[in-house]
Amino acid sequence: MNSPARDIATVLSQLNRVILGKDHQIRLCVACLLARGHLLIEDIPGVGKTTLAHALARTLGLSFQRVQFTSDLLPADVLGVSIYDRETGKFHFQHGPIFAQLVLADEINRASPKAQSALLEAMEEHQVTLDGQSMPLPEPFFVIATQNPQDQVGTFPLPESQLDRFLMRVQLGYPAAAAERELLRGIDRRDLVNSLEPVIGADVLSALQQHVLDVHVAPALLDYVQALVAHTRNTSALTGLSPRAAIGLLRAARAWALIAGRDAVIPEHVQEVFASVVEHRMRQRDSGPAAVARVLEAVPIP
């Protein structure tokens, strides 16, 4: 049986062969899934958001469904629908694409708020309620959503309740010159993704998620996390972080520590994941790297 460090290294190695020159962003994505969180990848079209989601599903050996969010998408297109069978005189439920271990909500902000809301219960409670019946979703269950910048034509901003369901938001950005040259000279990324084989399975992923919970957190580290959260609540220019955000921040820091090969969280681990966990939650009043940097600068490390 492989050690957690070896399993994680194998996952990162395969992903870095697909998405070139983005090691830090890939580590954030893996940390998000290890922390049992949902992931929002936001950037302009064409930088590899969908490719990364496909690569994650194949590398982790998870069942995968993709939903292309459009302005005419209905909740039933995501959740499923009951169909009447004339022969039996009964309704049979036709499962929607939400019933997969990893669901890609592609260009989620191109759908109307009504269609976006179809994901709320699934992301929070890992179940779907239709016709008064609750149906559990597969485990593990992740939503990876891609999003175009809000200033692009045909987008609907995600409401705060939807944004808060995503543990982390990651931006890929343009590749460096050397990585872009390799992309131009190499094989098509879609062909490369289709050739990927799983390097771990759902059982190994579940074990890694359990290892995340075993990472030690000292009382002084909890003081630091609480101080960061309290600072956002006491600053009028910021939207204060909720208890859910605080719990998510700690889980993400634990996952980052596991990826780094540590058995305990240190303040630097919190700082590495802080922007990805909180920036999309503070965006309504004062967003961006500058706002995050000011919070980290204002709160001293214990």
Protein backbone atom coordinates (compact mmCIF):
# COMPACT_ATOMS: atom_id res chain seq x y z
CA MET A 1 0.00 0.00 0.00
CA ASN A 2 1.38 3.37 -1.03
CA SER A 3 1.92 6.14 1.49
CA PRO A 4 -0.26 9.28 1.27
CA ALA A 5 2.76 11.30 0.12
CA ARG A 6 3.44 8.89 -2.75
CA ASP A 7 -0.21 8.79 -3.85
CA ILE A 8 -0.44 12.59 -3.84
CA ALA A 9 2.86 12.96 -5.70
CA THR A 10 1.63 10.57 -8.39
CA VAL A 11 -1.60 12.55 -8.81
CA LEU A 12 0.25 15.87 -9.04
CA SER A 13 2.76 14.47 -11.52
CA GLN A 14 0.07 13.30 -13.92
CA LEU A 15 -1.89 16.55 -13.71
CA ASN A 16 1.24 18.61 -14.35
CA ARG A 17 1.79 16.69 -17.59
CA VAL A 18 -1.59 17.98 -18.82
CA ILE A 19 -1.69 21.54 -17.46
CA LEU A 20 1.80 22.91 -17.95
CA GLY A 21 3.48 25.47 -15.72
CA LYS A 22 0.63 25.69 -13.17
CA ASP A 23 1.96 23.59 -10.29
CA HIS A 24 0.70 25.93 -7.56
CA GLN A 25 -2.83 26.12 -8.98
CA ILE A 26 -2.95 22.34 -9.42
CA ARG A 27 -1.89 21.86 -5.80
CA LEU A 28 -4.73 24.16 -4.74
CA CYS A 29 -7.23 22.12 -6.77
CA VAL A 30 -6.03 18.83 -5.28
CA ALA A 31 -6.08 20.36 -1.78
CA CYS A 32 -9.70 21.42 -2.34
CA LEU A 33 -10.79 17.89 -3.26
CA LEU A 34 -8.79 16.32 -0.42
CA ALA A 35 -10.60 18.70 1.94
CA ARG A 36 -13.96 17.42 0.60
CA GLY A 37 -14.72 20.78 -0.98
CA HIS A 38 -16.21 21.96 -4.25
CA LEU A 39 -14.00 23.87 -6.67
CA LEU A 40 -14.64 26.98 -8.78
CA ILE A 41 -12.17 27.64 -11.60
CA GLU A 42 -12.56 31.17 -12.94
CA ASP A 43 -10.72 32.62 -15.90
CA ILE A 44 -11.09 33.69 -19.51
CA PRO A 45 -11.97 31.02 -22.11
CA GLY A 46 -9.15 28.92 -23.50
CA VAL A 47 -6.69 28.67 -20.60
CA GLY A 48 -7.48 25.05 -19.68
CA LYS A 49 -10.30 25.19 -17.10
CA THR A 50 -12.36 22.37 -18.62
CA THR A 51 -9.26 20.37 -19.47
CA LEU A 52 -8.13 20.48 -15.84
CA ALA A 53 -11.53 19.26 -14.63
CA HIS A 54 -11.44 16.33 -17.08
CA ALA A 55 -7.89 15.49 -16.04
CA LEU A 56 -8.83 15.50 -12.34
CA ALA A 57 -11.71 13.08 -12.94
CA ARG A 58 -9.60 10.66 -14.95
CA THR A 59 -6.61 10.84 -12.63
CA LEU A 60 -8.70 10.21 -9.51
CA GLY A 61 -10.71 7.40 -11.13
CA LEU A 62 -14.11 8.98 -10.46
CA SER A 63 -17.34 8.66 -12.43
CA PHE A 64 -17.74 11.85 -14.42
CA GLN A 65 -20.54 13.91 -15.95
CA ARG A 66 -20.36 17.28 -17.66
CA VAL A 67 -23.20 19.81 -17.81
CA GLN A 68 -22.84 22.70 -20.25
CA PHE A 69 -24.62 25.59 -18.56
CA THR A 70 -26.53 27.80 -20.99
CA SER A 71 -29.19 30.47 -20.65
CA ASP A 72 -32.01 27.99 -21.43
CA LEU A 73 -30.84 25.27 -19.02
CA LEU A 74 -33.55 24.00 -16.64
CA PRO A 75 -33.08 22.44 -13.17
CA ALA A 76 -34.48 19.15 -14.54
CA ASP A 77 -31.61 19.07 -17.06
CA VAL A 78 -29.23 18.82 -14.10
CA LEU A 79 -31.20 16.83 -11.51
CA GLY A 80 -33.32 14.52 -13.62
CA VAL A 81 -37.02 14.08 -14.30
CA SER A 82 -39.84 11.60 -13.62
CA ILE A 83 -41.12 9.99 -16.84
CA TYR A 84 -44.51 8.31 -17.10
CA ASP A 85 -44.46 4.72 -18.38
CA ARG A 86 -47.75 3.89 -20.10
CA GLU A 87 -47.18 0.14 -19.91
CA THR A 88 -46.78 0.03 -16.14
CA GLY A 89 -48.86 3.10 -15.34
CA LYS A 90 -46.10 4.37 -13.08
CA PHE A 91 -43.54 7.16 -13.07
CA HIS A 92 -39.87 6.23 -13.36
CA PHE A 93 -37.17 8.65 -12.36
CA GLN A 94 -34.55 9.35 -15.02
CA HIS A 95 -31.35 10.33 -13.21
CA GLY A 96 -29.70 13.55 -14.32
CA PRO A 97 -25.98 14.18 -14.68
CA ILE A 98 -25.76 15.32 -11.03
CA PHE A 99 -25.65 11.62 -10.07
CA ALA A 100 -21.91 11.21 -10.61
CA GLN A 101 -18.90 11.38 -8.29
CA LEU A 102 -17.44 14.38 -10.11
CA VAL A 103 -19.76 16.80 -11.90
CA LEU A 104 -18.36 19.50 -14.17
CA ALA A 105 -20.64 22.53 -14.29
CA ASP A 106 -19.08 24.15 -17.34
CA GLU A 107 -19.50 27.93 -17.65
CA ILE A 108 -21.86 27.93 -14.67
CA ASN A 109 -22.46 31.67 -14.82
CA ARG A 110 -23.97 31.47 -18.31
CA ALA A 111 -27.09 29.84 -16.84
CA SER A 112 -29.93 31.68 -15.12
CA PRO A 113 -30.05 31.87 -11.31
CA LYS A 114 -32.90 29.32 -11.34
CA ALA A 115 -30.70 26.73 -13.06
CA GLN A 116 -27.74 27.58 -10.82
CA SER A 117 -29.88 26.96 -7.74
CA ALA A 118 -30.33 23.32 -8.77
CA LEU A 119 -26.86 22.66 -7.36
CA LEU A 120 -27.37 24.19 -3.90
CA GLU A 121 -28.81 21.19 -2.06
CA ALA A 122 -26.54 18.74 -3.87
CA MET A 123 -23.38 20.66 -2.95
CA GLU A 124 -24.29 21.17 0.69
CA GLU A 125 -26.09 17.95 1.65
CA HIS A 126 -24.92 15.49 -1.05
CA GLN A 127 -28.51 14.65 -1.88
CA VAL A 128 -31.27 15.70 -4.26
CA THR A 129 -34.93 16.16 -3.30
CA LEU A 130 -37.48 15.74 -6.07
CA ASP A 131 -41.22 15.06 -5.82
CA GLY A 132 -40.88 14.95 -2.05
CA GLN A 133 -38.27 12.19 -2.15
CA SER A 134 -34.63 12.60 -1.09
CA MET A 135 -32.06 10.66 -3.09
CA PRO A 136 -28.42 10.38 -1.98
CA LEU A 137 -25.62 11.22 -4.40
CA PRO A 138 -22.57 9.00 -4.96
CA GLU A 139 -19.63 9.27 -2.59
CA PRO A 140 -17.26 10.96 -2.89
CA PHE A 141 -19.17 13.79 -4.55
CA PHE A 142 -17.57 16.91 -6.01
CA VAL A 143 -18.72 19.78 -8.16
CA ILE A 144 -16.08 21.50 -10.25
CA ALA A 145 -17.51 24.61 -11.87
CA THR A 146 -15.84 26.76 -14.48
CA GLN A 147 -16.73 30.42 -14.78
CA ASN A 148 -15.96 33.18 -17.21
CA PRO A 149 -15.20 36.68 -15.88
CA GLN A 150 -18.38 38.59 -15.08
CA ASP A 151 -17.57 41.40 -17.50
CA GLN A 152 -18.02 39.02 -20.45
CA VAL A 153 -21.24 39.10 -22.45
CA GLY A 154 -23.99 36.66 -21.47
CA THR A 155 -23.00 35.93 -17.88
CA PHE A 156 -25.10 35.96 -14.70
CA PRO A 157 -23.27 36.69 -11.44
CA LEU A 158 -23.35 33.84 -8.93
CA PRO A 159 -25.26 34.78 -5.76
CA GLU A 160 -23.45 34.78 -2.43
CA SER A 161 -25.24 31.60 -1.34
CA GLN A 162 -23.89 29.77 -4.38
CA LEU A 163 -20.37 31.17 -4.06
CA ASP A 164 -20.25 30.11 -0.42
CA ARG A 165 -20.82 26.48 -1.44
CA PHE A 166 -17.43 26.47 -3.18
CA LEU A 167 -14.59 25.83 -0.79
CA MET A 168 -11.99 27.36 -3.12
CA ARG A 169 -11.76 29.50 -6.22
CA VAL A 170 -8.71 29.12 -8.44
CA GLN A 171 -7.57 31.20 -11.41
CA LEU A 172 -5.19 29.62 -13.92
CA GLY A 173 -4.00 32.67 -15.85
CA TYR A 174 -1.92 32.70 -18.99
CA PRO A 175 0.90 30.16 -19.28
CA ALA A 176 4.53 31.20 -19.09
CA ALA A 177 6.37 31.49 -22.40
CA ALA A 178 8.20 28.17 -22.01
CA ALA A 179 5.01 26.30 -21.10
CA GLU A 180 3.12 27.89 -23.99
CA ARG A 181 5.87 26.88 -26.41
CA GLU A 182 5.56 23.29 -25.21
CA LEU A 183 1.79 23.48 -25.68
CA LEU A 184 2.28 24.67 -29.26
CA ARG A 185 4.76 21.91 -30.03
CA GLY A 186 3.10 19.09 -28.07
CA ILE A 187 0.10 16.86 -28.67
CA ASP A 188 -3.45 18.13 -28.37
CA ARG A 189 -4.50 18.43 -24.71
CA ARG A 190 -7.81 16.69 -25.37
CA ASP A 191 -6.04 13.67 -26.82
CA LEU A 192 -3.70 13.65 -23.84
CA VAL A 193 -6.59 13.77 -21.35
CA ASN A 194 -8.37 10.92 -23.16
CA SER A 195 -5.26 8.78 -22.81
CA LEU A 196 -4.96 9.28 -19.04
CA GLU A 197 -5.39 6.29 -16.74
CA PRO A 198 -6.53 6.52 -13.09
CA VAL A 199 -3.59 6.58 -10.70
CA ILE A 200 -5.78 6.20 -7.60
CA GLY A 201 -9.40 5.22 -7.04
CA ALA A 202 -12.31 6.43 -4.95
CA ASP A 203 -11.23 4.20 -2.04
CA VAL A 204 -7.71 5.65 -1.98
CA LEU A 205 -9.12 9.17 -2.30
CA SER A 206 -11.39 8.54 0.70
CA ALA A 207 -8.38 7.33 2.69
CA LEU A 208 -6.45 10.50 1.78
CA GLN A 209 -9.41 12.61 2.88
CA GLN A 210 -9.31 10.81 6.22
CA HIS A 211 -5.58 11.54 6.50
CA VAL A 212 -6.44 15.24 6.10
CA LEU A 213 -8.61 15.05 9.22
CA ASP A 214 -5.71 13.45 11.09
CA VAL A 215 -3.35 16.38 10.44
CA HIS A 216 -2.67 18.05 13.80
CA VAL A 217 -3.85 21.59 14.52
CA ALA A 218 -2.31 23.31 17.55
CA PRO A 219 -4.33 25.70 19.73
CA ALA A 220 -2.09 28.59 18.60
CA LEU A 221 -2.95 27.81 14.98
CA LEU A 222 -6.65 27.92 15.82
CA ASP A 223 -6.04 31.32 17.42
CA TYR A 224 -4.49 32.50 14.15
CA VAL A 225 -7.41 31.29 12.03
CA GLN A 226 -9.91 32.92 14.38
CA ALA A 227 -7.95 36.17 14.33
CA LEU A 228 -8.00 36.23 10.51
CA VAL A 229 -11.74 35.60 10.42
CA ALA A 230 -12.42 38.18 13.15
CA HIS A 231 -10.45 40.82 11.25
CA THR A 232 -12.70 40.43 8.18
CA ARG A 233 -15.78 40.82 10.41
CA ASN A 234 -14.45 43.95 12.10
CA THR A 235 -13.41 45.75 8.91
CA SER A 236 -16.19 47.75 7.31
CA ALA A 237 -14.71 47.43 3.80
CA LEU A 238 -14.95 43.63 3.89
CA THR A 239 -17.74 41.09 3.91
CA GLY A 240 -17.11 39.17 7.13
CA LEU A 241 -16.30 35.48 6.76
CA SER A 242 -18.90 33.02 8.02
CA PRO A 243 -18.25 30.05 10.34
CA ARG A 244 -18.52 27.82 7.25
CA ALA A 245 -15.70 29.80 5.64
CA ALA A 246 -13.58 29.45 8.80
CA ILE A 247 -14.10 25.69 8.89
CA GLY A 248 -13.28 25.49 5.19
CA LEU A 249 -10.11 27.52 5.65
CA LEU A 250 -8.89 25.13 8.32
CA ARG A 251 -9.75 22.05 6.24
CA ALA A 252 -7.94 23.49 3.23
CA ALA A 253 -4.87 24.30 5.34
CA ARG A 254 -4.85 20.72 6.65
CA ALA A 255 -4.99 19.40 3.09
CA TRP A 256 -2.15 21.72 2.05
CA ALA A 257 -0.09 20.44 4.99
CA LEU A 258 -0.68 16.84 3.87
CA ILE A 259 0.38 17.70 0.32
CA ALA A 260 3.51 19.35 1.74
CA GLY A 261 4.30 16.14 3.65
CA ARG A 262 3.68 17.66 7.10
CA ASP A 263 1.71 16.07 9.93
CA ALA A 264 0.75 19.42 11.48
CA VAL A 265 -0.54 22.73 10.13
CA ILE A 266 1.70 25.79 10.34
CA PRO A 267 0.65 29.43 9.67
CA GLU A 268 2.31 29.38 6.25
CA HIS A 269 -0.11 26.64 5.16
CA VAL A 270 -3.04 28.86 6.11
CA GLN A 271 -1.53 31.73 4.16
CA GLU A 272 -1.02 29.58 1.04
CA VAL A 273 -4.72 28.69 0.78
CA PHE A 274 -6.20 31.87 2.30
CA ALA A 275 -6.78 33.78 -0.93
CA SER A 276 -8.40 30.84 -2.73
CA VAL A 277 -10.75 30.15 0.18
CA VAL A 278 -11.86 33.69 1.07
CA GLU A 279 -11.45 35.96 -1.94
CA HIS A 280 -14.69 34.94 -3.69
CA ARG A 281 -16.55 35.32 -0.39
CA MET A 282 -15.35 38.92 0.14
CA ARG A 283 -15.74 40.04 -3.44
CA GLN A 284 -19.01 41.97 -3.03
CA ARG A 285 -17.37 44.91 -1.26
CA ASP A 286 -13.61 44.71 -1.54
CA SER A 287 -12.13 41.90 -3.58
CA GLY A 288 -8.86 40.97 -5.17
CA PRO A 289 -5.33 40.17 -4.06
CA ALA A 290 -4.87 43.56 -2.39
CA ALA A 291 -7.77 42.98 0.02
CA VAL A 292 -6.48 39.52 0.93
CA ALA A 293 -2.94 40.81 1.39
CA ARG A 294 -4.17 43.52 3.76
CA VAL A 295 -5.86 40.91 5.96
CA LEU A 296 -2.72 38.76 6.14
CA GLU A 297 -0.59 41.80 6.89
CA ALA A 298 -2.91 43.06 9.61
CA VAL A 299 -3.02 39.80 11.59
CA PRO A 300 0.32 38.81 13.14
CA ILE A 301 1.50 35.20 13.05
CA PRO A 302 1.50 33.67 16.54
